[in-house]
């Protein structure tokens, strides 16, 4: 049976594990936030935005378990454990320059190795080197193409009131234990048999 994390804290556990993975690769001076920045009050520090935009059950990964039973012969008790399912958390990850950073021809932001490219390269390294997130057994991390649910990236950035920027989409699939309470079948107290002879 695959180990599964508790559903009561599943998303928080995934966020914390992803934050740890990114922190280990991204430069110390870059903040990591799990939200989109406020466009009227952009961050004053270099910031990686990790925005959770979709959560769904992964129906393509058919490794879910309906129920598992364990029997304690000493107590004549059968314990039925909760089921687990695979849940995917999809993230949009972007880099945001400080407010004072300028862009344009000849500026540091126009170089092929500008700050945004360097930081996003660190983010890519964090994702591809942490396919399995620490502390979450069975978790699988991967980069994915943009989702249709975001319509198109042009419309997405226009809705944010900002010009397009480098972004990547990451998906973390984790086995999540359902929170059904354990059901215990009553033990067998007595047995009875009848034998009838038929000629």
N, C-alpha and C. Protein backbone atom coordinates (compact mmCIF):
# COMPACT_ATOMS: atom_id res chain seq x y z
N UNK A 1 0.84 -1.19 0.00
CA UNK A 1 0.00 0.00 0.00
C UNK A 1 0.88 1.24 0.00
N UNK A 2 0.57 2.21 -0.87
CA UNK A 2 1.31 3.46 -0.93
C UNK A 2 0.98 4.31 0.29
N UNK A 3 2.03 4.91 0.87
CA UNK A 3 1.78 5.81 1.99
C UNK A 3 1.08 7.05 1.47
N UNK A 4 0.14 7.56 2.23
CA UNK A 4 -0.64 8.72 1.81
C UNK A 4 -0.64 9.75 2.92
N UNK A 5 -0.67 11.02 2.53
CA UNK A 5 -0.72 12.08 3.52
C UNK A 5 -2.17 12.33 3.90
N UNK A 6 -2.38 12.93 5.06
CA UNK A 6 -3.73 13.18 5.56
C UNK A 6 -4.40 14.29 4.76
N UNK A 7 -5.66 14.12 4.44
CA UNK A 7 -6.38 15.11 3.65
C UNK A 7 -6.60 16.41 4.41
N UNK A 8 -6.58 16.36 5.73
CA UNK A 8 -6.85 17.57 6.51
C UNK A 8 -5.75 18.63 6.34
N UNK A 9 -4.53 18.20 5.97
CA UNK A 9 -3.43 19.15 5.78
C UNK A 9 -2.70 18.93 4.46
N UNK A 10 -3.31 18.21 3.51
CA UNK A 10 -2.61 17.81 2.29
C UNK A 10 -2.05 19.00 1.52
N UNK A 11 -2.86 20.01 1.25
CA UNK A 11 -2.42 21.14 0.43
C UNK A 11 -1.35 21.94 1.17
N UNK A 12 -1.52 22.10 2.46
CA UNK A 12 -0.51 22.81 3.25
C UNK A 12 0.80 22.05 3.22
N UNK A 13 0.75 20.73 3.35
CA UNK A 13 1.95 19.90 3.31
C UNK A 13 2.66 20.04 1.97
N UNK A 14 1.90 20.04 0.88
CA UNK A 14 2.49 20.18 -0.45
C UNK A 14 3.14 21.56 -0.59
N UNK A 15 2.43 22.61 -0.17
CA UNK A 15 2.99 23.96 -0.24
C UNK A 15 4.29 24.06 0.54
N UNK A 16 4.31 23.52 1.75
CA UNK A 16 5.52 23.59 2.58
C UNK A 16 6.68 22.82 1.96
N UNK A 17 6.39 21.65 1.41
CA UNK A 17 7.45 20.85 0.78
C UNK A 17 7.98 21.53 -0.47
N UNK A 18 7.08 22.12 -1.26
CA UNK A 18 7.52 22.84 -2.46
C UNK A 18 8.32 24.08 -2.09
N UNK A 19 7.90 24.76 -1.04
CA UNK A 19 8.64 25.93 -0.56
C UNK A 19 10.06 25.54 -0.14
N UNK A 20 10.19 24.41 0.56
CA UNK A 20 11.51 23.94 0.99
C UNK A 20 12.38 23.62 -0.22
N UNK A 21 11.81 22.95 -1.22
CA UNK A 21 12.57 22.60 -2.42
C UNK A 21 13.07 23.85 -3.14
N UNK A 22 12.20 24.85 -3.27
CA UNK A 22 12.60 26.09 -3.95
C UNK A 22 13.63 26.87 -3.14
N UNK A 23 13.43 26.93 -1.84
CA UNK A 23 14.35 27.67 -0.97
C UNK A 23 15.76 27.11 -1.05
N UNK A 24 15.89 25.81 -1.23
CA UNK A 24 17.21 25.18 -1.31
C UNK A 24 17.96 25.53 -2.59
N UNK A 25 17.26 26.04 -3.61
CA UNK A 25 17.90 26.33 -4.90
C UNK A 25 17.93 27.82 -5.24
N UNK A 26 16.93 28.57 -4.79
CA UNK A 26 16.83 29.98 -5.16
C UNK A 26 17.72 30.82 -4.24
N UNK A 27 18.34 31.86 -4.82
CA UNK A 27 19.24 32.74 -4.06
C UNK A 27 18.58 33.27 -2.80
N UNK A 28 19.39 33.50 -1.78
CA UNK A 28 18.89 33.95 -0.47
C UNK A 28 18.15 35.29 -0.55
N UNK A 29 18.56 36.17 -1.45
CA UNK A 29 17.93 37.49 -1.52
C UNK A 29 16.59 37.51 -2.21
N UNK A 30 16.14 36.36 -2.70
CA UNK A 30 14.87 36.30 -3.42
C UNK A 30 13.80 35.71 -2.50
N UNK A 31 12.70 36.43 -2.36
CA UNK A 31 11.59 35.96 -1.53
C UNK A 31 10.71 35.00 -2.33
N UNK A 32 10.09 34.09 -1.63
CA UNK A 32 9.14 33.15 -2.25
C UNK A 32 7.79 33.37 -1.59
N UNK A 33 6.80 33.67 -2.40
CA UNK A 33 5.46 33.90 -1.87
C UNK A 33 4.47 33.01 -2.60
N UNK A 34 3.46 32.53 -1.89
CA UNK A 34 2.47 31.64 -2.49
C UNK A 34 1.20 32.43 -2.83
N UNK A 35 1.39 33.45 -3.65
CA UNK A 35 0.29 34.29 -4.10
C UNK A 35 0.78 35.13 -5.26
N UNK A 36 -0.15 35.71 -6.02
CA UNK A 36 0.24 36.67 -7.05
C UNK A 36 0.44 38.03 -6.40
N UNK A 37 1.49 38.76 -6.79
CA UNK A 37 1.70 40.09 -6.21
C UNK A 37 0.56 41.04 -6.53
N UNK A 38 0.37 42.01 -5.67
CA UNK A 38 -0.59 43.07 -5.90
C UNK A 38 0.01 44.04 -6.90
N UNK A 39 -0.64 44.19 -8.07
CA UNK A 39 -0.06 45.02 -9.12
C UNK A 39 0.02 46.49 -8.74
N UNK A 40 -0.79 46.92 -7.78
CA UNK A 40 -0.73 48.31 -7.31
C UNK A 40 0.35 48.50 -6.26
N UNK A 41 0.89 47.40 -5.77
CA UNK A 41 1.92 47.47 -4.74
C UNK A 41 2.90 46.32 -4.95
N UNK A 42 3.69 46.45 -6.02
CA UNK A 42 4.61 45.38 -6.37
C UNK A 42 5.67 45.20 -5.29
N UNK A 43 6.23 44.01 -5.16
CA UNK A 43 7.19 43.75 -4.09
C UNK A 43 8.43 44.62 -4.21
N UNK A 44 8.99 44.99 -3.08
CA UNK A 44 10.21 45.80 -3.06
C UNK A 44 11.45 44.92 -3.14
N UNK A 45 11.29 43.61 -3.01
CA UNK A 45 12.40 42.67 -3.12
C UNK A 45 12.15 41.73 -4.30
N UNK A 46 13.21 41.19 -4.88
CA UNK A 46 13.00 40.16 -5.92
C UNK A 46 12.14 39.03 -5.34
N UNK A 47 11.12 38.63 -6.09
CA UNK A 47 10.13 37.69 -5.55
C UNK A 47 9.77 36.63 -6.57
N UNK A 48 9.73 35.38 -6.12
CA UNK A 48 9.17 34.29 -6.91
C UNK A 48 7.75 34.05 -6.41
N UNK A 49 6.81 34.19 -7.32
CA UNK A 49 5.41 33.97 -6.99
C UNK A 49 5.03 32.54 -7.37
N UNK A 50 4.56 31.79 -6.38
CA UNK A 50 4.10 30.41 -6.60
C UNK A 50 2.60 30.42 -6.35
N UNK A 51 1.83 30.46 -7.44
CA UNK A 51 0.39 30.64 -7.34
C UNK A 51 -0.33 29.32 -7.62
N UNK A 52 -1.00 28.78 -6.61
CA UNK A 52 -1.78 27.56 -6.76
C UNK A 52 -3.12 27.93 -7.40
N UNK A 53 -3.29 27.52 -8.67
CA UNK A 53 -4.50 27.92 -9.38
C UNK A 53 -5.48 26.78 -9.63
N UNK A 54 -5.07 25.54 -9.35
CA UNK A 54 -5.99 24.44 -9.63
C UNK A 54 -5.64 23.23 -8.77
N UNK A 55 -6.67 22.58 -8.25
CA UNK A 55 -6.53 21.32 -7.52
C UNK A 55 -7.56 20.36 -8.09
N UNK A 56 -7.13 19.15 -8.45
CA UNK A 56 -8.08 18.17 -8.95
C UNK A 56 -7.58 16.76 -8.69
N UNK A 57 -8.50 15.82 -8.68
CA UNK A 57 -8.12 14.42 -8.55
C UNK A 57 -7.52 13.95 -9.86
N UNK A 58 -6.38 13.30 -9.78
CA UNK A 58 -5.70 12.82 -10.97
C UNK A 58 -6.32 11.48 -11.38
N UNK A 59 -7.20 11.51 -12.38
CA UNK A 59 -7.90 10.31 -12.81
C UNK A 59 -7.08 9.50 -13.81
N UNK A 60 -6.01 10.08 -14.36
CA UNK A 60 -5.17 9.35 -15.30
C UNK A 60 -4.20 8.43 -14.57
N UNK A 61 -3.81 8.82 -13.37
CA UNK A 61 -2.92 8.01 -12.57
C UNK A 61 -3.77 7.04 -11.77
N UNK A 62 -4.02 5.89 -12.31
CA UNK A 62 -4.98 4.94 -11.73
C UNK A 62 -4.29 4.01 -10.75
N UNK A 63 -3.89 4.59 -9.63
CA UNK A 63 -3.28 3.78 -8.59
C UNK A 63 -3.98 4.00 -7.26
N UNK A 64 -5.18 4.55 -7.33
CA UNK A 64 -5.92 4.79 -6.10
C UNK A 64 -6.32 3.46 -5.48
N UNK A 65 -6.57 3.49 -4.20
CA UNK A 65 -6.95 2.27 -3.48
C UNK A 65 -8.32 2.49 -2.85
N UNK A 66 -9.20 1.53 -3.05
CA UNK A 66 -10.55 1.66 -2.52
C UNK A 66 -10.56 1.44 -1.02
N UNK A 67 -10.16 0.28 -0.59
CA UNK A 67 -10.14 -0.05 0.84
C UNK A 67 -9.06 -1.09 1.08
N UNK A 68 -8.54 -1.10 2.26
CA UNK A 68 -7.59 -2.15 2.65
C UNK A 68 -8.02 -2.70 3.99
N UNK A 69 -7.89 -4.01 4.14
CA UNK A 69 -8.29 -4.64 5.39
C UNK A 69 -7.09 -5.24 6.10
N UNK A 70 -7.12 -5.17 7.41
CA UNK A 70 -6.11 -5.87 8.20
C UNK A 70 -6.85 -6.62 9.31
N UNK A 71 -6.36 -7.82 9.62
CA UNK A 71 -7.04 -8.66 10.61
C UNK A 71 -6.12 -8.89 11.79
N UNK A 72 -6.67 -8.70 12.97
CA UNK A 72 -5.94 -8.99 14.20
C UNK A 72 -6.49 -10.30 14.75
N UNK A 73 -5.78 -11.43 14.55
CA UNK A 73 -6.34 -12.72 14.96
C UNK A 73 -6.49 -12.85 16.47
N UNK A 74 -5.67 -12.13 17.23
CA UNK A 74 -5.77 -12.23 18.68
C UNK A 74 -7.06 -11.63 19.21
N UNK A 75 -7.53 -10.58 18.55
CA UNK A 75 -8.73 -9.89 19.04
C UNK A 75 -9.95 -10.21 18.18
N UNK A 76 -9.79 -11.02 17.13
CA UNK A 76 -10.89 -11.33 16.23
C UNK A 76 -11.53 -10.06 15.68
N UNK A 77 -10.68 -9.12 15.27
CA UNK A 77 -11.17 -7.83 14.77
C UNK A 77 -10.63 -7.61 13.37
N UNK A 78 -11.47 -7.14 12.47
CA UNK A 78 -11.06 -6.74 11.13
C UNK A 78 -11.13 -5.22 11.05
N UNK A 79 -10.01 -4.60 10.72
CA UNK A 79 -9.97 -3.15 10.60
C UNK A 79 -9.96 -2.77 9.12
N UNK A 80 -10.85 -1.89 8.74
CA UNK A 80 -10.93 -1.41 7.36
C UNK A 80 -10.33 -0.01 7.34
N UNK A 81 -9.21 0.14 6.62
CA UNK A 81 -8.53 1.44 6.61
C UNK A 81 -9.14 2.36 5.55
N UNK A 82 -8.94 3.66 5.70
CA UNK A 82 -9.49 4.61 4.73
C UNK A 82 -8.87 4.44 3.36
N UNK A 83 -9.58 4.85 2.34
CA UNK A 83 -9.06 4.82 0.98
C UNK A 83 -8.13 6.01 0.76
N UNK A 84 -7.42 5.99 -0.37
CA UNK A 84 -6.63 7.15 -0.76
C UNK A 84 -6.77 7.37 -2.25
N UNK A 85 -6.61 8.62 -2.65
CA UNK A 85 -6.70 9.01 -4.06
C UNK A 85 -5.50 9.89 -4.38
N UNK A 86 -5.21 10.04 -5.68
CA UNK A 86 -4.14 10.91 -6.13
C UNK A 86 -4.71 12.29 -6.44
N UNK A 87 -4.12 13.32 -5.84
CA UNK A 87 -4.57 14.69 -6.03
C UNK A 87 -3.45 15.49 -6.67
N UNK A 88 -3.78 16.25 -7.72
CA UNK A 88 -2.80 17.10 -8.39
C UNK A 88 -3.01 18.55 -8.01
N UNK A 89 -1.92 19.21 -7.66
CA UNK A 89 -1.92 20.65 -7.37
C UNK A 89 -1.12 21.33 -8.47
N UNK A 90 -1.75 22.23 -9.21
CA UNK A 90 -1.09 22.91 -10.32
C UNK A 90 -0.76 24.35 -9.95
N UNK A 91 0.49 24.73 -10.23
CA UNK A 91 1.02 26.03 -9.83
C UNK A 91 1.49 26.82 -11.05
N UNK A 92 1.28 28.13 -11.00
CA UNK A 92 1.89 29.06 -11.94
C UNK A 92 3.02 29.75 -11.18
N UNK A 93 4.25 29.64 -11.69
CA UNK A 93 5.40 30.21 -11.01
C UNK A 93 5.98 31.32 -11.88
N UNK A 94 6.11 32.51 -11.32
CA UNK A 94 6.64 33.66 -12.04
C UNK A 94 7.65 34.40 -11.17
N UNK A 95 8.49 35.18 -11.83
CA UNK A 95 9.45 36.01 -11.11
C UNK A 95 9.04 37.47 -11.26
N UNK A 96 9.14 38.23 -10.17
CA UNK A 96 8.77 39.64 -10.16
C UNK A 96 9.96 40.47 -9.68
N UNK A 97 10.35 41.43 -10.54
CA UNK A 97 11.45 42.32 -10.19
C UNK A 97 10.98 43.33 -9.14
N UNK A 98 11.93 43.88 -8.37
CA UNK A 98 11.56 44.97 -7.45
C UNK A 98 11.01 46.16 -8.22
N UNK A 99 10.28 47.01 -7.54
CA UNK A 99 9.66 48.17 -8.18
C UNK A 99 10.68 49.07 -8.87
N UNK A 100 11.87 49.20 -8.26
CA UNK A 100 12.84 50.14 -8.78
C UNK A 100 13.61 49.62 -9.99
N UNK A 101 13.45 48.35 -10.34
CA UNK A 101 14.19 47.79 -11.47
C UNK A 101 13.65 48.36 -12.77
N UNK A 102 14.56 48.82 -13.63
CA UNK A 102 14.15 49.38 -14.91
C UNK A 102 14.48 48.39 -16.00
N UNK A 103 13.76 48.49 -17.10
CA UNK A 103 14.01 47.63 -18.24
C UNK A 103 14.14 48.50 -19.48
N UNK A 104 14.63 47.92 -20.56
CA UNK A 104 14.83 48.64 -21.79
C UNK A 104 16.17 48.27 -22.39
N UNK A 105 16.42 48.76 -23.59
CA UNK A 105 17.67 48.44 -24.29
C UNK A 105 18.85 48.94 -23.46
N UNK A 106 19.80 48.06 -23.24
CA UNK A 106 21.00 48.43 -22.51
C UNK A 106 20.89 48.31 -21.00
N UNK A 107 19.70 48.05 -20.48
CA UNK A 107 19.53 47.89 -19.05
C UNK A 107 19.87 46.46 -18.64
N UNK A 108 20.16 46.23 -17.34
CA UNK A 108 20.46 44.86 -16.91
C UNK A 108 19.34 43.88 -17.22
N UNK A 109 18.10 44.36 -17.28
CA UNK A 109 16.98 43.48 -17.55
C UNK A 109 16.91 42.97 -18.98
N UNK A 110 17.69 43.58 -19.88
CA UNK A 110 17.65 43.15 -21.28
C UNK A 110 18.76 42.16 -21.62
N UNK A 111 19.63 41.85 -20.68
CA UNK A 111 20.74 40.92 -20.93
C UNK A 111 20.23 39.49 -20.99
N UNK A 112 20.93 38.63 -21.74
CA UNK A 112 20.47 37.23 -21.83
C UNK A 112 20.59 36.48 -20.51
N UNK A 113 21.37 36.99 -19.59
CA UNK A 113 21.51 36.36 -18.27
C UNK A 113 20.99 37.29 -17.18
N UNK A 114 19.87 37.96 -17.49
CA UNK A 114 19.31 38.91 -16.51
C UNK A 114 18.81 38.20 -15.27
N UNK A 115 18.45 38.98 -14.26
CA UNK A 115 18.05 38.45 -12.96
C UNK A 115 16.86 37.49 -13.06
N UNK A 116 15.88 37.85 -13.88
CA UNK A 116 14.69 37.00 -14.02
C UNK A 116 15.07 35.64 -14.58
N UNK A 117 15.94 35.61 -15.59
CA UNK A 117 16.36 34.34 -16.19
C UNK A 117 17.14 33.51 -15.18
N UNK A 118 18.04 34.15 -14.43
CA UNK A 118 18.83 33.43 -13.44
C UNK A 118 17.94 32.78 -12.38
N UNK A 119 16.99 33.55 -11.87
CA UNK A 119 16.12 33.03 -10.81
C UNK A 119 15.23 31.93 -11.34
N UNK A 120 14.66 32.11 -12.53
CA UNK A 120 13.78 31.08 -13.07
C UNK A 120 14.57 29.81 -13.41
N UNK A 121 15.84 29.96 -13.77
CA UNK A 121 16.68 28.79 -13.99
C UNK A 121 16.87 28.02 -12.68
N UNK A 122 17.00 28.77 -11.58
CA UNK A 122 17.10 28.13 -10.26
C UNK A 122 15.80 27.41 -9.91
N UNK A 123 14.67 28.00 -10.28
CA UNK A 123 13.38 27.36 -10.04
C UNK A 123 13.27 26.06 -10.83
N UNK A 124 13.69 26.09 -12.10
CA UNK A 124 13.68 24.87 -12.92
C UNK A 124 14.55 23.80 -12.26
N UNK A 125 15.74 24.18 -11.81
CA UNK A 125 16.62 23.21 -11.14
C UNK A 125 15.96 22.62 -9.90
N UNK A 126 15.26 23.46 -9.15
CA UNK A 126 14.58 22.98 -7.95
C UNK A 126 13.52 21.95 -8.30
N UNK A 127 12.78 22.19 -9.37
CA UNK A 127 11.69 21.29 -9.74
C UNK A 127 12.19 19.98 -10.32
N UNK A 128 13.19 20.04 -11.21
CA UNK A 128 13.63 18.80 -11.85
C UNK A 128 14.50 17.96 -10.92
N UNK A 129 15.06 18.58 -9.89
CA UNK A 129 15.87 17.82 -8.94
C UNK A 129 15.10 17.41 -7.69
N UNK A 130 13.81 17.72 -7.67
CA UNK A 130 12.96 17.32 -6.55
C UNK A 130 11.69 16.68 -7.10
N UNK A 131 11.86 15.66 -7.93
CA UNK A 131 10.70 14.95 -8.47
C UNK A 131 9.86 14.38 -7.33
N UNK A 132 10.52 13.89 -6.32
CA UNK A 132 9.83 13.41 -5.12
C UNK A 132 10.10 14.41 -4.01
N UNK A 133 9.06 15.04 -3.52
CA UNK A 133 9.23 16.06 -2.49
C UNK A 133 9.56 15.41 -1.15
N UNK A 134 10.52 16.00 -0.47
CA UNK A 134 10.94 15.48 0.83
C UNK A 134 9.79 15.55 1.82
N UNK A 135 9.61 14.47 2.57
CA UNK A 135 8.58 14.44 3.61
C UNK A 135 7.20 14.04 3.11
N UNK A 136 7.04 13.88 1.79
CA UNK A 136 5.74 13.48 1.25
C UNK A 136 5.96 12.23 0.40
N UNK A 137 5.77 11.05 1.00
CA UNK A 137 5.98 9.81 0.24
C UNK A 137 4.99 9.70 -0.92
N UNK A 138 5.50 9.31 -2.06
CA UNK A 138 4.63 9.13 -3.22
C UNK A 138 4.35 10.39 -4.02
N UNK A 139 4.86 11.55 -3.57
CA UNK A 139 4.64 12.80 -4.32
C UNK A 139 5.46 12.78 -5.60
N UNK A 140 4.90 13.36 -6.66
CA UNK A 140 5.61 13.43 -7.93
C UNK A 140 5.46 14.83 -8.50
N UNK A 141 6.61 15.49 -8.73
CA UNK A 141 6.63 16.87 -9.21
C UNK A 141 7.09 16.90 -10.66
N UNK A 142 6.43 17.71 -11.47
CA UNK A 142 6.84 17.83 -12.87
C UNK A 142 6.42 19.20 -13.41
N UNK A 143 7.13 19.64 -14.45
CA UNK A 143 6.73 20.85 -15.17
C UNK A 143 5.76 20.43 -16.27
N UNK A 144 4.73 21.24 -16.47
CA UNK A 144 3.68 20.88 -17.43
C UNK A 144 3.44 22.06 -18.37
N UNK A 145 2.82 21.81 -19.54
CA UNK A 145 2.45 22.91 -20.44
C UNK A 145 1.36 23.76 -19.80
N UNK A 146 1.17 24.99 -20.31
CA UNK A 146 0.08 25.83 -19.78
C UNK A 146 -1.26 25.13 -19.92
N UNK A 147 -2.11 25.30 -18.93
CA UNK A 147 -3.41 24.64 -18.92
C UNK A 147 -4.43 25.43 -19.74
N UNK A 148 -5.33 24.70 -20.38
CA UNK A 148 -6.39 25.35 -21.15
C UNK A 148 -7.27 26.23 -20.27
N UNK A 149 -7.33 25.86 -18.97
CA UNK A 149 -8.19 26.61 -18.06
C UNK A 149 -7.75 28.07 -17.93
N UNK A 150 -6.47 28.35 -18.25
CA UNK A 150 -5.99 29.73 -18.21
C UNK A 150 -6.28 30.46 -19.51
N UNK A 151 -7.05 29.82 -20.41
CA UNK A 151 -7.41 30.38 -21.70
C UNK A 151 -6.15 30.53 -22.53
N UNK A 152 -5.60 31.70 -22.61
CA UNK A 152 -4.33 31.90 -23.29
C UNK A 152 -3.48 32.78 -22.40
N UNK A 153 -2.16 32.64 -22.54
CA UNK A 153 -1.28 33.44 -21.68
C UNK A 153 -1.46 34.92 -21.93
N UNK A 154 -1.74 35.30 -23.19
CA UNK A 154 -1.95 36.73 -23.49
C UNK A 154 -3.13 37.29 -22.71
N UNK A 155 -4.24 36.57 -22.74
CA UNK A 155 -5.42 37.02 -21.99
C UNK A 155 -5.16 36.99 -20.50
N UNK A 156 -4.38 35.99 -20.06
CA UNK A 156 -4.09 35.88 -18.64
C UNK A 156 -3.32 37.09 -18.14
N UNK A 157 -2.26 37.46 -18.86
CA UNK A 157 -1.45 38.60 -18.40
C UNK A 157 -2.21 39.91 -18.58
N UNK A 158 -3.05 40.00 -19.61
CA UNK A 158 -3.86 41.21 -19.78
C UNK A 158 -4.82 41.37 -18.61
N UNK A 159 -5.36 40.25 -18.14
CA UNK A 159 -6.25 40.31 -16.98
C UNK A 159 -5.51 40.78 -15.74
N UNK A 160 -4.22 40.47 -15.68
CA UNK A 160 -3.42 40.94 -14.55
C UNK A 160 -2.95 42.37 -14.72
N UNK A 161 -3.25 42.96 -15.89
CA UNK A 161 -2.88 44.36 -16.10
C UNK A 161 -1.38 44.56 -16.24
N UNK A 162 -0.68 43.55 -16.72
CA UNK A 162 0.77 43.66 -16.81
C UNK A 162 1.23 43.02 -18.10
N UNK A 163 2.43 43.34 -18.50
CA UNK A 163 2.98 42.72 -19.70
C UNK A 163 3.32 41.25 -19.42
N UNK A 164 3.39 40.45 -20.46
CA UNK A 164 3.75 39.03 -20.25
C UNK A 164 5.13 38.91 -19.62
N UNK A 165 5.31 37.85 -18.88
CA UNK A 165 6.60 37.58 -18.25
C UNK A 165 6.86 36.09 -18.30
N UNK A 166 8.13 35.74 -18.11
CA UNK A 166 8.50 34.34 -18.10
C UNK A 166 7.75 33.63 -16.97
N UNK A 167 7.15 32.52 -17.30
CA UNK A 167 6.42 31.76 -16.29
C UNK A 167 6.54 30.28 -16.60
N UNK A 168 6.36 29.48 -15.60
CA UNK A 168 6.32 28.04 -15.82
C UNK A 168 5.20 27.45 -14.97
N UNK A 169 4.74 26.32 -15.42
CA UNK A 169 3.64 25.63 -14.74
C UNK A 169 4.20 24.35 -14.13
N UNK A 170 3.90 24.14 -12.89
CA UNK A 170 4.36 22.96 -12.18
C UNK A 170 3.17 22.22 -11.63
N UNK A 171 3.28 20.90 -11.59
CA UNK A 171 2.22 20.07 -11.04
C UNK A 171 2.82 19.12 -10.02
N UNK A 172 2.18 19.03 -8.86
CA UNK A 172 2.60 18.10 -7.82
C UNK A 172 1.42 17.15 -7.57
N UNK A 173 1.66 15.86 -7.81
CA UNK A 173 0.63 14.85 -7.58
C UNK A 173 0.99 14.07 -6.32
N UNK A 174 0.04 14.00 -5.39
CA UNK A 174 0.30 13.33 -4.12
C UNK A 174 -0.83 12.36 -3.79
N UNK A 175 -0.49 11.24 -3.16
CA UNK A 175 -1.54 10.34 -2.66
C UNK A 175 -2.10 10.91 -1.36
N UNK A 176 -3.40 11.08 -1.32
CA UNK A 176 -4.06 11.69 -0.16
C UNK A 176 -5.02 10.69 0.46
N UNK A 177 -4.87 10.49 1.75
CA UNK A 177 -5.73 9.58 2.49
C UNK A 177 -7.06 10.23 2.77
N UNK A 178 -8.15 9.50 2.52
CA UNK A 178 -9.47 10.03 2.84
C UNK A 178 -9.66 10.02 4.35
N UNK A 179 -10.53 10.86 4.83
CA UNK A 179 -10.68 11.03 6.27
C UNK A 179 -11.83 10.23 6.86
N UNK A 180 -12.31 9.21 6.12
CA UNK A 180 -13.33 8.34 6.72
C UNK A 180 -12.75 7.73 7.98
N UNK A 181 -13.56 7.70 9.03
CA UNK A 181 -13.06 7.08 10.26
C UNK A 181 -12.95 5.57 10.05
N UNK A 182 -12.06 4.97 10.80
CA UNK A 182 -11.89 3.52 10.68
C UNK A 182 -13.17 2.81 11.10
N UNK A 183 -13.52 1.85 10.29
CA UNK A 183 -14.69 1.04 10.60
C UNK A 183 -14.22 -0.31 11.10
N UNK A 184 -14.69 -0.71 12.24
CA UNK A 184 -14.27 -1.99 12.81
C UNK A 184 -15.43 -2.97 12.76
N UNK A 185 -15.20 -4.07 12.07
CA UNK A 185 -16.24 -5.10 12.01
C UNK A 185 -16.28 -5.83 13.34
N UNK A 186 -17.47 -6.16 13.85
CA UNK A 186 -17.56 -6.86 15.13
C UNK A 186 -16.92 -8.24 15.05
N UNK A 187 -16.26 -8.63 16.11
CA UNK A 187 -15.63 -9.95 16.15
C UNK A 187 -16.67 -11.05 16.23
N UNK A 188 -16.26 -12.24 15.83
CA UNK A 188 -17.15 -13.41 15.89
C UNK A 188 -17.13 -13.94 17.32
N UNK A 189 -18.29 -13.89 18.00
CA UNK A 189 -18.36 -14.30 19.40
C UNK A 189 -18.65 -15.79 19.54
N UNK A 190 -19.56 -16.31 18.71
CA UNK A 190 -19.92 -17.73 18.78
C UNK A 190 -20.06 -18.29 17.37
N UNK A 191 -19.90 -19.56 17.27
CA UNK A 191 -20.13 -20.23 15.98
C UNK A 191 -21.15 -21.34 16.20
N UNK A 192 -21.91 -21.63 15.18
CA UNK A 192 -22.94 -22.66 15.29
C UNK A 192 -23.07 -23.37 13.96
N UNK A 193 -23.25 -24.67 14.01
CA UNK A 193 -23.45 -25.43 12.78
C UNK A 193 -24.51 -26.50 13.00
N UNK A 194 -25.25 -26.77 11.98
CA UNK A 194 -26.30 -27.82 12.02
C UNK A 194 -26.00 -28.85 10.95
N UNK A 195 -26.06 -30.09 11.34
CA UNK A 195 -25.86 -31.20 10.39
C UNK A 195 -27.15 -31.99 10.30
N UNK A 196 -27.61 -32.11 9.08
CA UNK A 196 -28.84 -32.85 8.86
C UNK A 196 -28.57 -33.95 7.85
N UNK A 197 -28.91 -35.19 8.23
CA UNK A 197 -28.67 -36.32 7.36
C UNK A 197 -29.88 -36.53 6.46
N UNK A 198 -29.59 -36.62 5.16
CA UNK A 198 -30.66 -36.82 4.19
C UNK A 198 -30.43 -38.15 3.50
N UNK A 199 -31.45 -38.97 3.46
CA UNK A 199 -31.32 -40.31 2.83
C UNK A 199 -31.53 -40.18 1.34
